[in-house]
Amino acid sequence: METKYYTVTKIEGEYAYILEDNTENEIFIAMALLPEGVDIGTRLKYEMFSYEIIS
């Protein structure tokens, strides 16, 4: 599975909007599926069906 990188652009209630690096693909995802501590500006790595906070 391909590794993808995202940045959290906004949070509305129980959903976060994340923007894929080097594209204009923005999706929204339930906060429950993201690691604890996610906030606006957090960088994420998506790999093997899970998200991980990166610096």
Protein backbone atom coordinates (compact mmCIF):
# COMPACT_ATOMS: atom_id res chain seq x y z
CA MET A 1 0.00 0.00 0.00
CA GLU A 2 1.23 3.47 -0.86
CA THR A 3 2.29 5.84 1.93
CA LYS A 4 0.60 9.25 1.84
CA TYR A 5 1.24 12.43 3.81
CA TYR A 6 -1.39 14.91 4.95
CA THR A 7 -1.76 18.15 6.88
CA VAL A 8 -4.81 18.90 9.02
CA THR A 9 -6.34 22.11 7.65
CA LYS A 10 -9.43 22.48 9.85
CA ILE A 11 -11.46 20.71 12.48
CA GLU A 12 -15.24 20.96 12.65
CA GLY A 13 -16.83 19.06 15.51
CA GLU A 14 -15.98 15.39 15.18
CA TYR A 15 -14.39 15.70 11.73
CA ALA A 16 -11.00 16.88 10.51
CA TYR A 17 -10.24 18.13 7.01
CA ILE A 18 -6.89 16.87 5.77
CA LEU A 19 -4.99 17.98 2.68
CA GLU A 20 -2.76 15.52 0.83
CA ASP A 21 0.78 16.80 0.27
CA ASN A 22 1.62 18.10 -3.22
CA THR A 23 -2.01 17.89 -4.36
CA GLU A 24 -5.25 19.75 -3.89
CA ASN A 25 -7.04 16.63 -2.63
CA GLU A 26 -8.76 17.54 0.62
CA ILE A 27 -10.85 14.95 2.44
CA PHE A 28 -12.65 14.88 5.75
CA ILE A 29 -12.30 12.08 8.25
CA ALA A 30 -13.72 11.28 11.67
CA MET A 31 -11.47 12.42 14.51
CA ALA A 32 -11.94 8.97 16.09
CA LEU A 33 -9.82 7.50 13.26
CA LEU A 34 -6.92 9.88 13.90
CA PRO A 35 -4.28 9.65 16.64
CA GLU A 36 -4.87 11.46 19.91
CA GLY A 37 -3.44 14.97 19.94
CA VAL A 38 -4.31 15.93 16.35
CA ASP A 39 -4.87 19.66 15.87
CA ILE A 40 -4.86 22.16 13.00
CA GLY A 41 -1.46 22.07 11.30
CA THR A 42 -0.63 18.53 12.44
CA ARG A 43 1.26 16.48 9.86
CA LEU A 44 0.09 12.90 9.35
CA LYS A 45 1.46 9.82 7.62
CA TYR A 46 -1.10 7.32 6.29
CA GLU A 47 0.19 3.80 5.88
CA MET A 48 -1.31 0.33 6.29
CA PHE A 49 -4.80 1.77 6.97
CA SER A 50 -3.71 3.91 9.93
CA TYR A 51 -2.58 7.48 10.58
CA GLU A 52 0.53 8.49 12.52
CA ILE A 53 1.58 11.96 13.68
CA ILE A 54 4.90 13.06 12.21
CA SER A 55 6.96 16.19 12.81
